[in-house]
Amino acid sequence: MVSTTRLFASALLLAGLAAPALAQDVQYQLINDSGLTLMEFYTSVADEGSFGDDILGANVLPAGDTGTVTIPNASDACDRDLRFVFEDGSEQVKRANVCDGAAFTIASK
């Protein structure tokens, strides 16, 4: 009976090791040096072309401010396209590695 229990425990351990890692949320700092209030912020996996929901939601990032955003499930695809929508309706799309721990500065056009 002991060997059956050990075999079962070993199988569970190996199954856990073989399971794929789940993507984790990434905290990322945005520095708004654009001169305009950032109204919306979207991300997508680089070159995917399909942006998700507005990460800021009801929040905005005023010109000159710094804020931390949470990018959902980003740890498995760190290279991201970032889409910024400003108070005047203008947009910028940039690319960044959001897992490197660095902040991203949104510059004026």
N, C-alpha and C. Protein backbone atom coordinates (compact mmCIF):
# COMPACT_ATOMS: atom_id res chain seq x y z
N MET A 1 0.82 -1.20 0.00
CA MET A 1 0.00 0.00 0.00
C MET A 1 0.86 1.25 0.00
N VAL A 2 1.99 1.20 0.71
CA VAL A 2 2.86 2.37 0.79
C VAL A 2 3.40 2.71 -0.59
N SER A 3 3.79 1.71 -1.37
CA SER A 3 4.34 1.99 -2.69
C SER A 3 3.29 2.59 -3.62
N THR A 4 2.03 2.21 -3.48
CA THR A 4 0.96 2.79 -4.28
C THR A 4 0.77 4.25 -3.93
N THR A 5 0.84 4.58 -2.66
CA THR A 5 0.71 5.97 -2.21
C THR A 5 1.87 6.80 -2.73
N ARG A 6 3.07 6.26 -2.66
CA ARG A 6 4.24 6.99 -3.17
C ARG A 6 4.14 7.20 -4.68
N LEU A 7 3.68 6.19 -5.38
CA LEU A 7 3.53 6.29 -6.83
C LEU A 7 2.51 7.37 -7.18
N PHE A 8 1.39 7.40 -6.45
CA PHE A 8 0.35 8.39 -6.68
C PHE A 8 0.88 9.80 -6.39
N ALA A 9 1.62 9.95 -5.29
CA ALA A 9 2.19 11.25 -4.94
C ALA A 9 3.19 11.70 -5.99
N SER A 10 4.00 10.79 -6.48
CA SER A 10 4.97 11.12 -7.53
C SER A 10 4.27 11.54 -8.81
N ALA A 11 3.20 10.86 -9.15
CA ALA A 11 2.44 11.21 -10.36
C ALA A 11 1.84 12.59 -10.24
N LEU A 12 1.31 12.92 -9.07
CA LEU A 12 0.76 14.26 -8.85
C LEU A 12 1.84 15.33 -8.98
N LEU A 13 3.00 15.06 -8.41
CA LEU A 13 4.11 16.01 -8.48
C LEU A 13 4.53 16.23 -9.93
N LEU A 14 4.68 15.17 -10.69
CA LEU A 14 5.07 15.30 -12.09
C LEU A 14 4.00 16.01 -12.91
N ALA A 15 2.75 15.76 -12.62
CA ALA A 15 1.67 16.44 -13.33
C ALA A 15 1.73 17.93 -13.07
N GLY A 16 2.03 18.31 -11.85
CA GLY A 16 2.16 19.73 -11.52
C GLY A 16 3.34 20.37 -12.22
N LEU A 17 4.43 19.64 -12.36
CA LEU A 17 5.60 20.18 -13.04
C LEU A 17 5.37 20.30 -14.53
N ALA A 18 4.55 19.45 -15.09
CA ALA A 18 4.31 19.46 -16.53
C ALA A 18 3.26 20.48 -16.94
N ALA A 19 2.51 20.99 -16.00
CA ALA A 19 1.45 21.95 -16.34
C ALA A 19 2.07 23.26 -16.82
N PRO A 20 1.46 23.88 -17.82
CA PRO A 20 1.99 25.15 -18.32
C PRO A 20 1.81 26.25 -17.27
N ALA A 21 2.74 27.16 -17.25
CA ALA A 21 2.65 28.28 -16.32
C ALA A 21 1.53 29.22 -16.77
N LEU A 22 0.77 29.69 -15.82
CA LEU A 22 -0.30 30.63 -16.15
C LEU A 22 0.27 32.03 -16.27
N ALA A 23 -0.24 32.77 -17.21
CA ALA A 23 0.22 34.15 -17.39
C ALA A 23 -0.15 34.97 -16.17
N GLN A 24 0.73 35.86 -15.79
CA GLN A 24 0.52 36.71 -14.63
C GLN A 24 0.28 38.14 -15.09
N ASP A 25 -0.44 38.89 -14.27
CA ASP A 25 -0.61 40.31 -14.53
C ASP A 25 0.72 41.01 -14.32
N VAL A 26 0.94 42.09 -15.04
CA VAL A 26 2.18 42.87 -14.93
C VAL A 26 1.84 44.30 -14.52
N GLN A 27 2.52 44.79 -13.50
CA GLN A 27 2.40 46.19 -13.09
C GLN A 27 3.37 47.00 -13.95
N TYR A 28 2.90 48.09 -14.52
CA TYR A 28 3.72 48.88 -15.45
C TYR A 28 3.48 50.35 -15.18
N GLN A 29 4.55 51.12 -15.15
CA GLN A 29 4.43 52.54 -14.86
C GLN A 29 4.40 53.36 -16.15
N LEU A 30 3.44 54.28 -16.22
CA LEU A 30 3.33 55.21 -17.35
C LEU A 30 3.65 56.61 -16.86
N ILE A 31 4.50 57.30 -17.61
CA ILE A 31 4.86 58.70 -17.33
C ILE A 31 4.29 59.52 -18.47
N ASN A 32 3.37 60.42 -18.17
CA ASN A 32 2.71 61.18 -19.22
C ASN A 32 3.40 62.53 -19.42
N ASP A 33 4.34 62.57 -20.36
CA ASP A 33 5.03 63.80 -20.75
C ASP A 33 4.49 64.32 -22.09
N SER A 34 3.27 63.95 -22.44
CA SER A 34 2.72 64.31 -23.74
C SER A 34 2.19 65.73 -23.82
N GLY A 35 1.91 66.34 -22.66
CA GLY A 35 1.30 67.66 -22.66
C GLY A 35 -0.22 67.60 -22.72
N LEU A 36 -0.78 66.39 -22.85
CA LEU A 36 -2.23 66.18 -22.92
C LEU A 36 -2.64 65.11 -21.91
N THR A 37 -3.87 65.20 -21.44
CA THR A 37 -4.39 64.16 -20.55
C THR A 37 -4.61 62.87 -21.34
N LEU A 38 -4.11 61.77 -20.79
CA LEU A 38 -4.32 60.45 -21.39
C LEU A 38 -5.70 59.97 -20.95
N MET A 39 -6.58 59.76 -21.91
CA MET A 39 -7.96 59.37 -21.62
C MET A 39 -8.17 57.86 -21.66
N GLU A 40 -7.45 57.18 -22.57
CA GLU A 40 -7.62 55.74 -22.75
C GLU A 40 -6.26 55.11 -23.00
N PHE A 41 -6.11 53.86 -22.55
CA PHE A 41 -4.87 53.11 -22.74
C PHE A 41 -5.21 51.65 -23.02
N TYR A 42 -4.70 51.14 -24.14
CA TYR A 42 -4.97 49.78 -24.57
C TYR A 42 -3.65 49.07 -24.84
N THR A 43 -3.65 47.74 -24.71
CA THR A 43 -2.49 46.96 -25.10
C THR A 43 -2.93 45.75 -25.92
N SER A 44 -2.00 45.24 -26.69
CA SER A 44 -2.19 43.96 -27.37
C SER A 44 -0.83 43.31 -27.49
N VAL A 45 -0.83 42.02 -27.68
CA VAL A 45 0.42 41.33 -27.97
C VAL A 45 0.98 41.95 -29.24
N ALA A 46 2.30 42.17 -29.29
CA ALA A 46 2.93 42.82 -30.44
C ALA A 46 2.50 42.15 -31.74
N ASP A 47 2.13 42.98 -32.70
CA ASP A 47 1.73 42.55 -34.05
C ASP A 47 0.41 41.78 -34.10
N GLU A 48 -0.29 41.68 -33.00
CA GLU A 48 -1.57 40.97 -33.01
C GLU A 48 -2.67 41.83 -33.63
N GLY A 49 -2.61 43.14 -33.36
CA GLY A 49 -3.54 44.07 -33.98
C GLY A 49 -4.90 44.17 -33.33
N SER A 50 -5.15 43.41 -32.30
CA SER A 50 -6.45 43.44 -31.64
C SER A 50 -6.26 43.93 -30.21
N PHE A 51 -6.60 45.19 -29.97
CA PHE A 51 -6.44 45.76 -28.63
C PHE A 51 -7.60 45.33 -27.75
N GLY A 52 -7.30 45.11 -26.48
CA GLY A 52 -8.33 44.73 -25.52
C GLY A 52 -9.10 45.95 -25.01
N ASP A 53 -9.64 45.81 -23.83
CA ASP A 53 -10.41 46.89 -23.21
C ASP A 53 -9.49 48.01 -22.74
N ASP A 54 -10.08 49.18 -22.54
CA ASP A 54 -9.36 50.34 -22.01
C ASP A 54 -8.90 50.01 -20.59
N ILE A 55 -7.60 49.97 -20.38
CA ILE A 55 -7.04 49.60 -19.08
C ILE A 55 -7.30 50.68 -18.03
N LEU A 56 -7.40 51.93 -18.45
CA LEU A 56 -7.63 53.01 -17.50
C LEU A 56 -9.07 53.00 -16.98
N GLY A 57 -9.99 52.45 -17.74
CA GLY A 57 -11.39 52.45 -17.33
C GLY A 57 -11.90 53.87 -17.18
N ALA A 58 -12.45 54.19 -16.03
CA ALA A 58 -12.98 55.54 -15.77
C ALA A 58 -11.90 56.53 -15.37
N ASN A 59 -10.67 56.06 -15.18
CA ASN A 59 -9.56 56.92 -14.77
C ASN A 59 -8.90 57.59 -15.97
N VAL A 60 -8.15 58.65 -15.71
CA VAL A 60 -7.34 59.32 -16.72
C VAL A 60 -5.96 59.56 -16.11
N LEU A 61 -4.99 59.87 -16.97
CA LEU A 61 -3.64 60.21 -16.50
C LEU A 61 -3.31 61.60 -17.00
N PRO A 62 -3.43 62.61 -16.12
CA PRO A 62 -3.18 63.99 -16.54
C PRO A 62 -1.75 64.20 -17.03
N ALA A 63 -1.58 65.19 -17.88
CA ALA A 63 -0.25 65.57 -18.37
C ALA A 63 0.66 65.85 -17.18
N GLY A 64 1.88 65.34 -17.24
CA GLY A 64 2.86 65.55 -16.19
C GLY A 64 2.78 64.57 -15.04
N ASP A 65 1.77 63.71 -15.02
CA ASP A 65 1.61 62.74 -13.94
C ASP A 65 2.20 61.38 -14.32
N THR A 66 2.42 60.57 -13.29
CA THR A 66 2.88 59.20 -13.45
C THR A 66 1.85 58.29 -12.79
N GLY A 67 1.56 57.18 -13.43
CA GLY A 67 0.60 56.24 -12.85
C GLY A 67 1.02 54.81 -13.12
N THR A 68 0.54 53.92 -12.28
CA THR A 68 0.82 52.50 -12.45
C THR A 68 -0.44 51.82 -12.97
N VAL A 69 -0.27 51.04 -14.02
CA VAL A 69 -1.38 50.28 -14.60
C VAL A 69 -1.09 48.79 -14.46
N THR A 70 -2.13 48.01 -14.45
CA THR A 70 -2.00 46.56 -14.43
C THR A 70 -2.40 46.03 -15.79
N ILE A 71 -1.45 45.35 -16.43
CA ILE A 71 -1.71 44.75 -17.74
C ILE A 71 -2.02 43.27 -17.51
N PRO A 72 -3.26 42.87 -17.74
CA PRO A 72 -3.67 41.50 -17.44
C PRO A 72 -2.95 40.46 -18.31
N ASN A 73 -2.55 39.37 -17.68
CA ASN A 73 -2.00 38.19 -18.38
C ASN A 73 -0.87 38.54 -19.33
N ALA A 74 0.00 39.45 -18.94
CA ALA A 74 1.05 39.92 -19.85
C ALA A 74 2.37 39.17 -19.71
N SER A 75 2.56 38.39 -18.66
CA SER A 75 3.87 37.81 -18.41
C SER A 75 4.29 36.77 -19.45
N ASP A 76 3.35 36.22 -20.20
CA ASP A 76 3.71 35.22 -21.21
C ASP A 76 3.94 35.83 -22.59
N ALA A 77 3.65 37.11 -22.74
CA ALA A 77 3.87 37.82 -24.01
C ALA A 77 4.25 39.26 -23.66
N CYS A 78 5.52 39.45 -23.33
CA CYS A 78 5.98 40.73 -22.79
C CYS A 78 6.05 41.85 -23.83
N ASP A 79 6.32 41.51 -25.08
CA ASP A 79 6.37 42.54 -26.12
C ASP A 79 4.95 42.92 -26.48
N ARG A 80 4.61 44.19 -26.25
CA ARG A 80 3.24 44.66 -26.40
C ARG A 80 3.18 45.90 -27.27
N ASP A 81 2.11 46.02 -28.02
CA ASP A 81 1.78 47.28 -28.67
C ASP A 81 0.93 48.06 -27.68
N LEU A 82 1.26 49.33 -27.50
CA LEU A 82 0.57 50.20 -26.55
C LEU A 82 -0.15 51.29 -27.33
N ARG A 83 -1.42 51.45 -27.09
CA ARG A 83 -2.22 52.47 -27.79
C ARG A 83 -2.71 53.49 -26.78
N PHE A 84 -2.36 54.75 -27.02
CA PHE A 84 -2.71 55.85 -26.14
C PHE A 84 -3.70 56.77 -26.85
N VAL A 85 -4.79 57.14 -26.18
CA VAL A 85 -5.78 58.06 -26.73
C VAL A 85 -5.84 59.27 -25.80
N PHE A 86 -5.65 60.46 -26.38
CA PHE A 86 -5.55 61.69 -25.59
C PHE A 86 -6.83 62.50 -25.63
N GLU A 87 -6.88 63.52 -24.77
CA GLU A 87 -8.08 64.35 -24.60
C GLU A 87 -8.52 65.03 -25.89
N ASP A 88 -7.60 65.30 -26.81
CA ASP A 88 -7.97 65.96 -28.07
C ASP A 88 -8.36 64.95 -29.16
N GLY A 89 -8.42 63.66 -28.79
CA GLY A 89 -8.79 62.62 -29.74
C GLY A 89 -7.62 62.02 -30.51
N SER A 90 -6.43 62.61 -30.38
CA SER A 90 -5.26 62.08 -31.07
C SER A 90 -4.82 60.77 -30.42
N GLU A 91 -4.09 59.97 -31.19
CA GLU A 91 -3.64 58.66 -30.72
C GLU A 91 -2.16 58.46 -31.03
N GLN A 92 -1.53 57.63 -30.21
CA GLN A 92 -0.18 57.15 -30.48
C GLN A 92 -0.18 55.64 -30.27
N VAL A 93 0.58 54.93 -31.10
CA VAL A 93 0.80 53.50 -30.89
C VAL A 93 2.30 53.28 -30.84
N LYS A 94 2.75 52.67 -29.76
CA LYS A 94 4.17 52.39 -29.53
C LYS A 94 4.33 50.92 -29.16
N ARG A 95 5.56 50.45 -29.16
CA ARG A 95 5.85 49.08 -28.74
C ARG A 95 6.81 49.11 -27.56
N ALA A 96 6.59 48.21 -26.60
CA ALA A 96 7.47 48.14 -25.43
C ALA A 96 7.43 46.74 -24.84
N ASN A 97 8.50 46.39 -24.13
CA ASN A 97 8.54 45.18 -23.33
C ASN A 97 8.03 45.55 -21.95
N VAL A 98 6.85 45.08 -21.59
CA VAL A 98 6.24 45.48 -20.33
C VAL A 98 6.71 44.65 -19.14
N CYS A 99 7.53 43.64 -19.39
CA CYS A 99 8.01 42.78 -18.30
C CYS A 99 9.39 43.18 -17.80
N ASP A 100 10.01 44.16 -18.42
CA ASP A 100 11.38 44.51 -18.05
C ASP A 100 11.47 45.39 -16.81
N GLY A 101 10.32 45.74 -16.24
CA GLY A 101 10.31 46.53 -15.02
C GLY A 101 10.51 48.01 -15.22
N ALA A 102 10.73 48.43 -16.44
CA ALA A 102 10.96 49.85 -16.71
C ALA A 102 9.63 50.58 -16.84
N ALA A 103 9.71 51.87 -16.73
CA ALA A 103 8.54 52.71 -16.96
C ALA A 103 8.52 53.12 -18.44
N PHE A 104 7.36 53.51 -18.92
CA PHE A 104 7.24 53.99 -20.29
C PHE A 104 6.86 55.46 -20.25
N THR A 105 7.64 56.28 -20.95
CA THR A 105 7.35 57.71 -21.02
C THR A 105 6.60 58.00 -22.31
N ILE A 106 5.41 58.58 -22.15
CA ILE A 106 4.60 58.99 -23.30
C ILE A 106 5.04 60.40 -23.65
N ALA A 107 5.74 60.54 -24.76
CA ALA A 107 6.28 61.84 -25.17
C ALA A 107 5.28 62.57 -26.06
N SER A 108 5.48 63.88 -26.17
CA SER A 108 4.64 64.64 -27.11
C SER A 108 5.02 64.24 -28.52
N LYS A 109 4.11 64.44 -29.44
CA LYS A 109 4.34 64.02 -30.83
C LYS A 109 5.42 64.82 -31.50
